[in-house]
N, C-alpha and C. Protein backbone atom coordinates (compact mmCIF):
# COMPACT_ATOMS: atom_id res chain seq x y z
N MET A 1 6.37 10.68 8.54
CA MET A 1 7.31 10.65 9.35
C MET A 1 7.71 11.84 10.26
N GLU A 2 7.81 12.78 9.26
CA GLU A 2 8.29 14.36 9.90
C GLU A 2 7.41 14.57 10.83
N ASP A 3 6.08 14.40 10.31
CA ASP A 3 5.00 14.83 11.55
C ASP A 3 5.26 14.21 12.72
N ALA A 4 5.32 12.82 12.96
CA ALA A 4 5.46 12.08 13.87
C ALA A 4 6.54 12.43 14.48
N GLU A 5 7.68 12.55 13.91
CA GLU A 5 9.01 13.09 14.62
C GLU A 5 9.01 14.35 15.34
N ALA A 6 8.15 15.33 14.77
CA ALA A 6 8.04 16.85 15.14
C ALA A 6 7.06 16.68 16.58
N SER A 7 6.23 15.86 16.58
CA SER A 7 4.89 15.69 17.59
C SER A 7 5.76 15.17 18.68
N ALA A 8 6.63 14.24 18.68
CA ALA A 8 7.12 13.27 19.68
C ALA A 8 7.57 14.11 21.01
N GLY A 9 8.17 15.22 20.68
CA GLY A 9 8.92 16.04 21.87
C GLY A 9 7.79 16.64 22.58
N ALA A 10 6.83 16.88 22.12
CA ALA A 10 5.53 17.24 22.89
C ALA A 10 4.74 16.46 23.60
N LEU A 11 4.75 15.05 23.50
CA LEU A 11 3.98 14.21 24.35
C LEU A 11 4.30 13.89 25.57
N ASP A 12 3.30 13.85 26.60
CA ASP A 12 3.97 13.63 27.90
C ASP A 12 3.16 12.61 28.72
N ARG A 13 1.84 12.09 28.06
CA ARG A 13 1.06 11.03 28.44
C ARG A 13 1.65 9.64 27.99
N LEU A 14 1.85 8.81 28.40
CA LEU A 14 1.96 7.44 28.02
C LEU A 14 0.93 6.99 26.89
N VAL A 15 -0.09 7.48 27.41
CA VAL A 15 -1.22 6.78 26.18
C VAL A 15 -0.78 7.70 24.88
N ASP A 16 -0.67 8.85 24.82
CA ASP A 16 -0.37 9.64 23.60
C ASP A 16 1.07 9.14 23.03
N ILE A 17 1.97 8.59 23.76
CA ILE A 17 3.25 8.19 23.16
C ILE A 17 3.01 6.86 22.49
N LEU A 18 2.17 5.86 23.20
CA LEU A 18 2.10 4.63 22.74
C LEU A 18 0.97 4.68 21.36
N ARG A 19 0.08 5.72 21.16
CA ARG A 19 -0.61 6.13 20.18
C ARG A 19 0.07 6.36 18.92
N LEU A 20 1.46 7.27 19.27
CA LEU A 20 2.09 7.62 18.14
C LEU A 20 2.76 6.16 17.83
N VAL A 21 3.07 5.35 18.51
CA VAL A 21 3.92 4.31 18.21
C VAL A 21 2.91 3.35 17.10
N ILE A 22 1.77 3.37 17.37
CA ILE A 22 0.78 2.68 16.60
C ILE A 22 0.59 3.39 15.31
N ARG A 23 0.87 4.66 15.19
CA ARG A 23 0.50 5.57 13.96
C ARG A 23 1.66 5.41 13.24
N ILE A 24 2.83 5.27 13.80
CA ILE A 24 4.17 5.13 13.10
C ILE A 24 4.19 3.63 12.43
N GLU A 25 3.78 2.38 13.36
CA GLU A 25 3.97 1.14 12.62
C GLU A 25 2.63 1.19 11.43
N ALA A 26 1.71 2.00 11.57
CA ALA A 26 0.60 1.54 10.70
C ALA A 26 0.98 2.46 9.41
N SER A 27 2.07 3.29 9.30
CA SER A 27 2.36 3.99 8.17
C SER A 27 2.82 3.31 7.05
N GLU A 28 3.24 3.92 6.28
CA GLU A 28 3.81 3.28 4.75
C GLU A 28 5.14 2.50 4.98
N ILE A 29 5.97 2.69 6.05
CA ILE A 29 7.04 1.97 6.35
C ILE A 29 6.82 0.53 6.27
N ASN A 30 6.00 0.02 7.02
CA ASN A 30 6.01 -1.60 7.07
C ASN A 30 5.46 -1.95 5.43
N GLN A 31 4.65 -1.27 5.12
CA GLN A 31 3.81 -1.80 3.56
C GLN A 31 5.21 -1.90 2.63
N VAL A 32 6.05 -0.64 2.64
CA VAL A 32 7.12 -0.63 1.82
C VAL A 32 7.95 -2.06 2.23
N PHE A 33 8.56 -2.02 3.32
CA PHE A 33 9.27 -3.29 3.64
C PHE A 33 8.83 -4.44 3.28
N LYS A 34 7.41 -4.64 3.37
CA LYS A 34 6.61 -6.12 3.01
C LYS A 34 6.68 -6.04 1.53
N SER A 35 6.60 -4.91 0.83
CA SER A 35 6.66 -4.99 -0.63
C SER A 35 8.16 -5.13 -1.25
N VAL A 36 9.22 -4.46 -0.61
CA VAL A 36 10.38 -4.95 -1.15
C VAL A 36 10.79 -6.21 -0.84
N VAL A 37 10.47 -6.92 0.35
CA VAL A 37 10.80 -8.51 0.59
C VAL A 37 10.01 -9.12 -0.51
N ALA A 38 8.81 -9.04 -0.90
CA ALA A 38 7.99 -9.81 -1.74
C ALA A 38 8.36 -9.50 -3.23
N ALA A 39 9.09 -8.41 -3.59
CA ALA A 39 9.59 -8.08 -4.92
C ALA A 39 11.01 -8.51 -5.17
N THR A 40 11.75 -8.84 -4.24
CA THR A 40 13.19 -9.08 -4.44
C THR A 40 13.27 -10.12 -5.26
N ASP A 41 14.59 -9.87 -6.08
CA ASP A 41 14.80 -11.10 -6.93
C ASP A 41 15.95 -12.21 -6.36
N SER A 42 15.94 -12.04 -5.01
CA SER A 42 16.89 -12.98 -4.43
C SER A 42 16.25 -14.11 -3.90
N ASP A 43 16.60 -15.21 -4.38
CA ASP A 43 15.97 -16.88 -3.61
C ASP A 43 16.26 -16.77 -2.35
N PHE A 44 17.27 -16.10 -1.70
CA PHE A 44 17.69 -16.45 -0.37
C PHE A 44 16.95 -15.40 0.38
N VAL A 45 16.56 -14.23 0.10
CA VAL A 45 15.58 -13.48 0.63
C VAL A 45 13.90 -13.86 0.55
N ARG A 46 13.75 -14.28 -0.72
CA ARG A 46 12.11 -14.89 -1.02
C ARG A 46 12.21 -16.26 0.04
N CYS A 47 13.07 -17.20 0.12
CA CYS A 47 12.91 -18.33 0.59
C CYS A 47 13.28 -18.36 2.01
N LEU A 48 13.62 -17.42 2.73
CA LEU A 48 14.11 -17.42 3.99
C LEU A 48 13.11 -16.82 4.93
N ARG A 49 12.36 -17.61 5.63
CA ARG A 49 10.97 -17.19 6.34
C ARG A 49 11.42 -16.22 7.15
N ALA A 50 12.54 -16.24 7.70
CA ALA A 50 12.89 -15.07 8.76
C ALA A 50 12.66 -13.47 8.22
N PHE A 51 12.82 -13.37 6.86
CA PHE A 51 12.87 -12.15 6.19
C PHE A 51 11.36 -11.98 5.95
N GLN A 52 10.59 -12.79 5.76
CA GLN A 52 9.02 -12.88 5.13
C GLN A 52 8.55 -12.40 6.44
N MET A 53 8.84 -12.89 7.74
CA MET A 53 7.93 -12.71 8.75
C MET A 53 8.44 -11.71 9.91
N ALA A 54 9.89 -11.04 9.44
CA ALA A 54 10.23 -9.98 10.58
C ALA A 54 9.21 -8.98 10.61
N GLY A 55 8.67 -8.29 9.67
CA GLY A 55 7.59 -7.28 10.01
C GLY A 55 6.54 -7.84 10.66
N GLU A 56 5.99 -8.64 10.14
CA GLU A 56 4.67 -9.12 11.19
C GLU A 56 5.02 -9.59 12.33
N ASP A 57 6.17 -10.13 12.76
CA ASP A 57 6.47 -10.34 14.16
C ASP A 57 6.83 -9.20 14.86
N HIS A 58 7.43 -8.42 14.35
CA HIS A 58 7.57 -6.71 14.92
C HIS A 58 6.22 -6.35 15.35
N ILE A 59 5.14 -6.31 14.35
CA ILE A 59 3.95 -5.59 14.62
C ILE A 59 3.09 -6.64 15.61
N ALA A 60 3.21 -7.84 15.76
CA ALA A 60 2.59 -8.75 16.62
C ALA A 60 2.91 -8.36 18.09
N GLY A 61 4.38 -8.29 17.95
CA GLY A 61 4.67 -8.04 19.37
C GLY A 61 4.42 -6.69 20.06
N ILE A 62 4.51 -5.65 19.13
CA ILE A 62 4.11 -4.31 19.55
C ILE A 62 2.41 -4.45 20.06
N ALA A 63 1.79 -5.09 18.86
CA ALA A 63 0.35 -5.26 19.41
C ALA A 63 -0.05 -5.98 20.54
N ALA A 64 0.84 -6.82 20.96
CA ALA A 64 0.52 -7.62 22.21
C ALA A 64 1.11 -6.77 23.41
N GLN A 65 2.16 -6.04 23.41
CA GLN A 65 2.63 -5.23 24.59
C GLN A 65 2.04 -4.03 24.68
N ILE A 66 1.49 -3.26 23.99
CA ILE A 66 0.94 -1.93 24.24
C ILE A 66 -0.12 -2.06 24.95
N PRO A 67 -1.23 -2.73 24.80
CA PRO A 67 -2.64 -2.93 25.69
C PRO A 67 -2.14 -3.46 27.16
N LYS A 68 -0.82 -4.19 27.31
CA LYS A 68 -0.58 -4.31 28.81
C LYS A 68 -0.27 -3.13 29.64
N PHE A 69 0.30 -2.05 28.83
CA PHE A 69 0.57 -0.75 29.53
C PHE A 69 -0.76 0.22 29.60
N GLU A 70 -1.49 0.17 28.34
CA GLU A 70 -2.75 0.92 28.11
C GLU A 70 -3.63 -0.12 27.50
N PRO A 71 -4.59 -0.39 28.39
CA PRO A 71 -5.68 -1.13 27.76
C PRO A 71 -6.54 -0.61 26.99
N GLU A 72 -6.92 0.81 27.13
CA GLU A 72 -7.82 1.26 26.08
C GLU A 72 -7.47 1.04 24.59
N LEU A 73 -5.86 0.97 24.34
CA LEU A 73 -5.55 0.91 23.10
C LEU A 73 -5.86 -0.49 22.38
N ALA A 74 -6.20 -1.28 23.15
CA ALA A 74 -6.31 -2.78 22.54
C ALA A 74 -7.26 -2.49 21.13
N ASP A 75 -8.06 -1.94 21.10
CA ASP A 75 -8.67 -1.89 19.73
C ASP A 75 -7.98 -1.60 18.63
N GLU A 76 -7.12 -0.21 19.21
CA GLU A 76 -6.10 0.26 17.90
C GLU A 76 -5.21 -0.84 17.43
N CYS A 77 -4.40 -1.56 18.77
CA CYS A 77 -3.44 -2.78 18.28
C CYS A 77 -4.03 -3.73 17.30
N ARG A 78 -5.37 -4.29 17.61
CA ARG A 78 -5.99 -5.30 16.86
C ARG A 78 -6.19 -4.70 15.37
N ALA A 79 -6.51 -3.55 15.30
CA ALA A 79 -6.69 -3.10 13.85
C ALA A 79 -5.31 -2.95 13.40
N LEU A 80 -4.23 -2.41 13.94
CA LEU A 80 -2.72 -2.49 13.63
C LEU A 80 -2.50 -3.69 12.97
N ARG A 81 -2.83 -4.85 13.90
CA ARG A 81 -2.15 -6.35 13.25
C ARG A 81 -3.03 -6.76 12.21
N ALA A 82 -4.34 -6.31 12.29
CA ALA A 82 -4.99 -6.94 11.23
C ALA A 82 -4.57 -6.05 9.95
N GLU A 83 -4.28 -4.96 9.72
CA GLU A 83 -3.81 -4.17 8.57
C GLU A 83 -2.48 -4.60 8.24
N ILE A 84 -1.62 -4.76 9.16
CA ILE A 84 -0.18 -5.46 8.61
C ILE A 84 -0.12 -6.95 8.46
N CYS A 85 -0.56 -7.63 9.46
CA CYS A 85 -0.26 -8.90 9.70
C CYS A 85 -1.59 -9.80 8.53
N GLY A 86 -2.70 -8.85 8.36
CA GLY A 86 -3.84 -9.71 7.59
C GLY A 86 -4.50 -10.66 8.42
N GLU A 87 -4.53 -10.50 9.74
CA GLU A 87 -5.32 -11.13 10.72
C GLU A 87 -6.56 -10.40 10.93
N GLY A 88 -7.46 -10.94 11.03
CA GLY A 88 -8.88 -10.49 11.61
C GLY A 88 -8.93 -9.73 12.73
N ALA A 89 -9.63 -8.53 12.58
CA ALA A 89 -9.58 -7.36 13.76
C ALA A 89 -10.56 -7.87 14.91
N GLY A 90 -11.15 -8.91 14.61
CA GLY A 90 -12.05 -9.21 15.59
C GLY A 90 -11.95 -10.32 16.26
């Protein structure tokens, strides 16, 4: 995350900024969030679908919107969605 933050100020093209978004979203942050929700000892969190789906919904939204701005990033968005949401990349 520190590398991503440091590089953000130097980016001036939309495609590079959106590629950074993909890189950040593919980082361990989402994996940690998913693991915390899965490992929680709270019946409320385990049973409430909103908590379980929040991360995947976030990624799905990003993966759907980025190609509207930069179609060349569609493959990277499909790969991100497959990695985080467990959906097929093809």
